């Protein structure tokens, strides 16, 4: 298979991301669930917009590439709801198998580069990956806050669960932590989170 054929096959493969539904509703009038492609695009825009809140100098282009591919593995592994402890039991294994297959469609050099970005996001040890992970937590918080509790209300999520889930924001974009606390306090006061 030629290099171009592999690249085109990958582009067609990742179109499936548009069909992977997340639990978080969008803020539009139809209140449907967001899909993974929309989520990834939303995070890439947020990364560019909020870069001044990253705690260290970052390579913004690297962050954006990371965010655009971070959920591609969910084509095979499915979206694991953030507050479903049982589903997290085999999440890493499912996603690693998916990464092997999906990134394996690409030519070897691009396969290695995309896999390295995905691994970096998952490890969350670099300034770029910590910032990317912070945004990955912040975006659903904003959507749930704007949609009357969204998936929190549907799944009876607790305040403590949300604060634990948001913890990466403290390190990846610490100036945004006050936003987290304000939104969680408001959601708790409105009864969208279980105390």
C-alpha atoms as a PDB file:
ATOM      1  CA  UNK A   1       0.000   0.000   0.000  1.00  0.00           C
ATOM      2  CA  UNK A   2       1.421   3.407  -0.923  1.00  0.00           C
ATOM      3  CA  UNK A   3       2.068   6.136   1.634  1.00  0.00           C
ATOM      4  CA  UNK A   4      -0.805   8.211   0.256  1.00  0.00           C
ATOM      5  CA  UNK A   5      -3.136   5.209   0.329  1.00  0.00           C
ATOM      6  CA  UNK A   6      -2.291   4.641   3.997  1.00  0.00           C
ATOM      7  CA  UNK A   7      -2.883   8.308   4.825  1.00  0.00           C
ATOM      8  CA  UNK A   8      -6.215   8.358   3.001  1.00  0.00           C
ATOM      9  CA  UNK A   9      -7.257   5.120   4.711  1.00  0.00           C
ATOM     10  CA  UNK A  10      -6.500   6.746   8.084  1.00  0.00           C
ATOM     11  CA  UNK A  11      -8.522   9.850   7.166  1.00  0.00           C
ATOM     12  CA  UNK A  12     -11.478   7.639   6.262  1.00  0.00           C
ATOM     13  CA  UNK A  13     -11.035   5.547   9.422  1.00  0.00           C
ATOM     14  CA  UNK A  14     -11.138   8.540  11.732  1.00  0.00           C
ATOM     15  CA  UNK A  15     -14.408   9.719  10.178  1.00  0.00           C
ATOM     16  CA  UNK A  16     -15.935   7.183  12.548  1.00  0.00           C
ATOM     17  CA  UNK A  17     -15.102   9.532  15.426  1.00  0.00           C
ATOM     18  CA  UNK A  18     -18.182  11.518  14.411  1.00  0.00           C
ATOM     19  CA  UNK A  19     -20.305   8.531  15.482  1.00  0.00           C
ATOM     20  CA  UNK A  20     -18.783   7.992  18.925  1.00  0.00           C
ATOM     21  CA  UNK A  21     -21.134   9.655  21.389  1.00  0.00           C
ATOM     22  CA  UNK A  22     -19.983  11.044  24.689  1.00  0.00           C
ATOM     23  CA  UNK A  23     -22.235  11.471  27.728  1.00  0.00           C
ATOM     24  CA  UNK A  24     -21.946  15.264  27.783  1.00  0.00           C
ATOM     25  CA  UNK A  25     -24.728  17.209  26.058  1.00  0.00           C
ATOM     26  CA  UNK A  26     -23.973  20.104  23.751  1.00  0.00           C
ATOM     27  CA  UNK A  27     -25.316  23.539  24.648  1.00  0.00           C
ATOM     28  CA  UNK A  28     -27.425  23.946  21.501  1.00  0.00           C
ATOM     29  CA  UNK A  29     -31.212  23.906  21.566  1.00  0.00           C
ATOM     30  CA  UNK A  30     -31.456  20.201  20.653  1.00  0.00           C
ATOM     31  CA  UNK A  31     -29.426  19.140  23.731  1.00  0.00           C
ATOM     32  CA  UNK A  32     -28.111  16.061  21.980  1.00  0.00           C
ATOM     33  CA  UNK A  33     -24.964  14.292  23.136  1.00  0.00           C
ATOM     34  CA  UNK A  34     -21.633  15.553  21.887  1.00  0.00           C
ATOM     35  CA  UNK A  35     -19.590  13.274  19.641  1.00  0.00           C
ATOM     36  CA  UNK A  36     -15.832  12.689  19.902  1.00  0.00           C
ATOM     37  CA  UNK A  37     -14.994  14.683  16.759  1.00  0.00           C
ATOM     38  CA  UNK A  38     -16.842  17.720  18.095  1.00  0.00           C
ATOM     39  CA  UNK A  39     -15.124  17.307  21.456  1.00  0.00           C
ATOM     40  CA  UNK A  40     -11.659  17.145  19.896  1.00  0.00           C
ATOM     41  CA  UNK A  41     -12.290  20.209  17.724  1.00  0.00           C
ATOM     42  CA  UNK A  42     -13.677  22.122  20.702  1.00  0.00           C
ATOM     43  CA  UNK A  43     -10.587  21.329  22.771  1.00  0.00           C
ATOM     44  CA  UNK A  44      -8.221  22.390  19.969  1.00  0.00           C
ATOM     45  CA  UNK A  45      -9.924  25.788  19.772  1.00  0.00           C
ATOM     46  CA  UNK A  46      -9.885  26.096  23.572  1.00  0.00           C
ATOM     47  CA  UNK A  47      -6.165  25.300  23.633  1.00  0.00           C
ATOM     48  CA  UNK A  48      -5.415  28.180  21.291  1.00  0.00           C
ATOM     49  CA  UNK A  49      -7.728  30.556  23.123  1.00  0.00           C
ATOM     50  CA  UNK A  50      -6.596  29.754  26.670  1.00  0.00           C
ATOM     51  CA  UNK A  51      -2.860  29.189  26.061  1.00  0.00           C
ATOM     52  CA  UNK A  52      -1.991  32.118  28.327  1.00  0.00           C
ATOM     53  CA  UNK A  53      -3.262  30.023  31.272  1.00  0.00           C
ATOM     54  CA  UNK A  54      -0.829  27.169  30.709  1.00  0.00           C
ATOM     55  CA  UNK A  55       1.562  27.169  33.680  1.00  0.00           C
ATOM     56  CA  UNK A  56       4.734  27.090  31.582  1.00  0.00           C
ATOM     57  CA  UNK A  57       5.869  27.849  28.076  1.00  0.00           C
ATOM     58  CA  UNK A  58       4.249  25.268  25.841  1.00  0.00           C
ATOM     59  CA  UNK A  59       4.431  24.207  22.225  1.00  0.00           C
ATOM     60  CA  UNK A  60       0.854  25.140  21.306  1.00  0.00           C
ATOM     61  CA  UNK A  61       0.951  23.373  17.948  1.00  0.00           C
ATOM     62  CA  UNK A  62       1.947  20.161  19.761  1.00  0.00           C
ATOM     63  CA  UNK A  63      -0.934  20.586  22.217  1.00  0.00           C
ATOM     64  CA  UNK A  64      -3.410  21.095  19.390  1.00  0.00           C
ATOM     65  CA  UNK A  65      -2.152  18.008  17.531  1.00  0.00           C
ATOM     66  CA  UNK A  66      -2.401  16.038  20.779  1.00  0.00           C
ATOM     67  CA  UNK A  67      -5.981  17.156  21.373  1.00  0.00           C
ATOM     68  CA  UNK A  68      -7.035  16.394  17.826  1.00  0.00           C
ATOM     69  CA  UNK A  69      -5.914  12.763  18.148  1.00  0.00           C
ATOM     70  CA  UNK A  70      -6.376  12.017  21.871  1.00  0.00           C
ATOM     71  CA  UNK A  71      -9.765  10.313  21.468  1.00  0.00           C
ATOM     72  CA  UNK A  72      -9.181   8.545  18.135  1.00  0.00           C
ATOM     73  CA  UNK A  73      -8.750   5.283  20.047  1.00  0.00           C
ATOM     74  CA  UNK A  74     -12.405   5.489  21.060  1.00  0.00           C
ATOM     75  CA  UNK A  75     -13.329   4.353  17.540  1.00  0.00           C
ATOM     76  CA  UNK A  76     -12.496   0.848  18.790  1.00  0.00           C
ATOM     77  CA  UNK A  77     -12.486   1.265  22.567  1.00  0.00           C
ATOM     78  CA  UNK A  78     -15.648   3.333  22.880  1.00  0.00           C
ATOM     79  CA  UNK A  79     -16.059   6.379  25.087  1.00  0.00           C
ATOM     80  CA  UNK A  80     -15.624   5.506  28.742  1.00  0.00           C
ATOM     81  CA  UNK A  81     -17.840   7.737  30.859  1.00  0.00           C
ATOM     82  CA  UNK A  82     -15.664   9.671  33.274  1.00  0.00           C
ATOM     83  CA  UNK A  83     -17.679   8.632  36.325  1.00  0.00           C
ATOM     84  CA  UNK A  84     -18.123   4.925  35.509  1.00  0.00           C
ATOM     85  CA  UNK A  85     -15.606   3.179  37.764  1.00  0.00           C
ATOM     86  CA  UNK A  86     -16.416  -0.305  36.439  1.00  0.00           C
ATOM     87  CA  UNK A  87     -15.752   0.723  32.837  1.00  0.00           C
ATOM     88  CA  UNK A  88     -12.339   2.055  33.841  1.00  0.00           C
ATOM     89  CA  UNK A  89     -11.196  -1.452  34.869  1.00  0.00           C
ATOM     90  CA  UNK A  90     -10.102  -2.370  31.336  1.00  0.00           C
ATOM     91  CA  UNK A  91     -10.027   1.092  29.721  1.00  0.00           C
ATOM     92  CA  UNK A  92      -6.235   1.230  29.376  1.00  0.00           C
ATOM     93  CA  UNK A  93      -6.065  -2.210  27.777  1.00  0.00           C
ATOM     94  CA  UNK A  94      -8.907  -1.443  25.328  1.00  0.00           C
ATOM     95  CA  UNK A  95      -7.382   1.883  24.346  1.00  0.00           C
ATOM     96  CA  UNK A  96      -3.853   0.520  23.868  1.00  0.00           C
ATOM     97  CA  UNK A  97      -5.160  -2.200  21.543  1.00  0.00           C
ATOM     98  CA  UNK A  98      -7.115   0.449  19.645  1.00  0.00           C
ATOM     99  CA  UNK A  99      -4.055   2.708  19.399  1.00  0.00           C
ATOM    100  CA  UNK A 100      -2.010  -0.168  17.972  1.00  0.00           C
ATOM    101  CA  UNK A 101      -4.597  -0.877  15.289  1.00  0.00           C
ATOM    102  CA  UNK A 102      -5.692   2.624  14.337  1.00  0.00           C
ATOM    103  CA  UNK A 103      -2.310   4.359  14.350  1.00  0.00           C
ATOM    104  CA  UNK A 104      -0.951   1.254  12.607  1.00  0.00           C
ATOM    105  CA  UNK A 105      -2.943   2.232   9.506  1.00  0.00           C
ATOM    106  CA  UNK A 106      -0.528   5.142   8.945  1.00  0.00           C
ATOM    107  CA  UNK A 107       2.926   5.005   7.337  1.00  0.00           C
ATOM    108  CA  UNK A 108       5.519   3.974   9.949  1.00  0.00           C
ATOM    109  CA  UNK A 109       6.887   7.467  10.634  1.00  0.00           C
ATOM    110  CA  UNK A 110       3.462   9.024  11.101  1.00  0.00           C
ATOM    111  CA  UNK A 111       2.251   6.018  13.051  1.00  0.00           C
ATOM    112  CA  UNK A 112       5.122   6.446  15.522  1.00  0.00           C
ATOM    113  CA  UNK A 113       4.588  10.209  15.771  1.00  0.00           C
ATOM    114  CA  UNK A 114       0.839   9.949  16.395  1.00  0.00           C
ATOM    115  CA  UNK A 115       1.277   7.105  18.875  1.00  0.00           C
ATOM    116  CA  UNK A 116       3.933   9.117  20.737  1.00  0.00           C
ATOM    117  CA  UNK A 117       1.551  12.084  20.992  1.00  0.00           C
ATOM    118  CA  UNK A 118      -1.244   9.843  22.243  1.00  0.00           C
ATOM    119  CA  UNK A 119       1.076   8.195  24.784  1.00  0.00           C
ATOM    120  CA  UNK A 120       2.268  11.631  25.922  1.00  0.00           C
ATOM    121  CA  UNK A 121      -1.339  12.764  26.457  1.00  0.00           C
ATOM    122  CA  UNK A 122      -2.120   9.632  28.450  1.00  0.00           C
ATOM    123  CA  UNK A 123       0.992   9.971  30.642  1.00  0.00           C
ATOM    124  CA  UNK A 124       0.309  13.664  31.395  1.00  0.00           C
ATOM    125  CA  UNK A 125       3.911  14.318  32.431  1.00  0.00           C
ATOM    126  CA  UNK A 126       4.938  17.133  30.059  1.00  0.00           C
ATOM    127  CA  UNK A 127       3.686  20.730  30.260  1.00  0.00           C
ATOM    128  CA  UNK A 128       1.888  20.197  26.945  1.00  0.00           C
ATOM    129  CA  UNK A 129       0.141  17.012  28.035  1.00  0.00           C
ATOM    130  CA  UNK A 130      -0.809  18.451  31.431  1.00  0.00           C
ATOM    131  CA  UNK A 131      -2.327  21.480  29.717  1.00  0.00           C
ATOM    132  CA  UNK A 132      -4.151  19.274  27.200  1.00  0.00           C
ATOM    133  CA  UNK A 133      -5.514  17.080  30.003  1.00  0.00           C
ATOM    134  CA  UNK A 134      -6.655  20.154  31.923  1.00  0.00           C
ATOM    135  CA  UNK A 135      -8.676  21.311  28.923  1.00  0.00           C
ATOM    136  CA  UNK A 136     -10.069  17.794  28.432  1.00  0.00           C
ATOM    137  CA  UNK A 137     -11.489  18.084  31.965  1.00  0.00           C
ATOM    138  CA  UNK A 138     -12.578  21.727  31.738  1.00  0.00           C
ATOM    139  CA  UNK A 139     -14.656  21.434  28.559  1.00  0.00           C
ATOM    140  CA  UNK A 140     -17.205  18.885  29.904  1.00  0.00           C
ATOM    141  CA  UNK A 141     -17.394  20.888  33.142  1.00  0.00           C
ATOM    142  CA  UNK A 142     -18.402  23.944  31.115  1.00  0.00           C
ATOM    143  CA  UNK A 143     -20.946  21.989  29.063  1.00  0.00           C
ATOM    144  CA  UNK A 144     -22.503  20.299  32.097  1.00  0.00           C
ATOM    145  CA  UNK A 145     -22.695  23.646  33.865  1.00  0.00           C
ATOM    146  CA  UNK A 146     -24.416  25.261  30.891  1.00  0.00           C
ATOM    147  CA  UNK A 147     -26.943  22.419  30.384  1.00  0.00           C
ATOM    148  CA  UNK A 148     -28.525  22.246  33.819  1.00  0.00           C
ATOM    149  CA  UNK A 149     -26.206  19.583  35.127  1.00  0.00           C
ATOM    150  CA  UNK A 150     -26.101  17.596  31.881  1.00  0.00           C
ATOM    151  CA  UNK A 151     -24.562  14.166  32.389  1.00  0.00           C
ATOM    152  CA  UNK A 152     -24.003  14.869  36.096  1.00  0.00           C
ATOM    153  CA  UNK A 153     -27.744  14.970  36.729  1.00  0.00           C
ATOM    154  CA  UNK A 154     -28.461  12.023  34.448  1.00  0.00           C
ATOM    155  CA  UNK A 155     -25.886   9.811  36.195  1.00  0.00           C
ATOM    156  CA  UNK A 156     -26.268  11.197  39.745  1.00  0.00           C
ATOM    157  CA  UNK A 157     -22.661  12.370  39.982  1.00  0.00           C
ATOM    158  CA  UNK A 158     -21.398  13.748  43.282  1.00  0.00           C
ATOM    159  CA  UNK A 159     -19.571  16.969  44.003  1.00  0.00           C
ATOM    160  CA  UNK A 160     -16.593  14.948  45.284  1.00  0.00           C
ATOM    161  CA  UNK A 161     -16.441  12.943  42.043  1.00  0.00           C
ATOM    162  CA  UNK A 162     -16.361  16.107  39.950  1.00  0.00           C
ATOM    163  CA  UNK A 163     -13.665  17.731  42.081  1.00  0.00           C
ATOM    164  CA  UNK A 164     -11.540  14.592  41.859  1.00  0.00           C
ATOM    165  CA  UNK A 165     -12.049  14.426  38.095  1.00  0.00           C
ATOM    166  CA  UNK A 166     -11.091  18.089  37.706  1.00  0.00           C
ATOM    167  CA  UNK A 167      -7.845  17.737  39.674  1.00  0.00           C
ATOM    168  CA  UNK A 168      -5.595  17.770  36.542  1.00  0.00           C
ATOM    169  CA  UNK A 169      -6.655  21.378  36.005  1.00  0.00           C
ATOM    170  CA  UNK A 170      -4.747  22.365  39.160  1.00  0.00           C
ATOM    171  CA  UNK A 171      -1.483  21.341  37.488  1.00  0.00           C
ATOM    172  CA  UNK A 172      -2.200  21.826  33.794  1.00  0.00           C
ATOM    173  CA  UNK A 173      -3.876  25.240  34.008  1.00  0.00           C
ATOM    174  CA  UNK A 174      -3.826  26.287  37.677  1.00  0.00           C
ATOM    175  CA  UNK A 175      -5.189  29.768  37.033  1.00  0.00           C
ATOM    176  CA  UNK A 176      -8.415  28.093  35.905  1.00  0.00           C
ATOM    177  CA  UNK A 177      -8.922  26.224  39.191  1.00  0.00           C
ATOM    178  CA  UNK A 178     -11.016  29.086  40.584  1.00  0.00           C
ATOM    179  CA  UNK A 179     -13.387  28.632  37.617  1.00  0.00           C
ATOM    180  CA  UNK A 180     -13.742  24.962  38.543  1.00  0.00           C
ATOM    181  CA  UNK A 181     -14.616  25.786  42.150  1.00  0.00           C
ATOM    182  CA  UNK A 182     -17.111  28.462  41.141  1.00  0.00           C
ATOM    183  CA  UNK A 183     -18.891  26.169  38.682  1.00  0.00           C
ATOM    184  CA  UNK A 184     -18.935  23.207  41.074  1.00  0.00           C
ATOM    185  CA  UNK A 185     -20.273  25.399  43.893  1.00  0.00           C
ATOM    186  CA  UNK A 186     -23.001  26.711  41.586  1.00  0.00           C
ATOM    187  CA  UNK A 187     -23.915  23.208  40.366  1.00  0.00           C
ATOM    188  CA  UNK A 188     -24.084  21.982  43.964  1.00  0.00           C
ATOM    189  CA  UNK A 189     -26.290  24.914  45.023  1.00  0.00           C
ATOM    190  CA  UNK A 190     -28.638  24.215  42.105  1.00  0.00           C
ATOM    191  CA  UNK A 191     -28.898  20.513  43.001  1.00  0.00           C
ATOM    192  CA  UNK A 192     -27.164  19.317  39.820  1.00  0.00           C
ATOM    193  CA  UNK A 193     -24.552  17.478  41.882  1.00  0.00           C
ATOM    194  CA  UNK A 194     -25.159  15.211  44.826  1.00  0.00           C
ATOM    195  CA  UNK A 195     -23.444  16.568  47.929  1.00  0.00           C
END
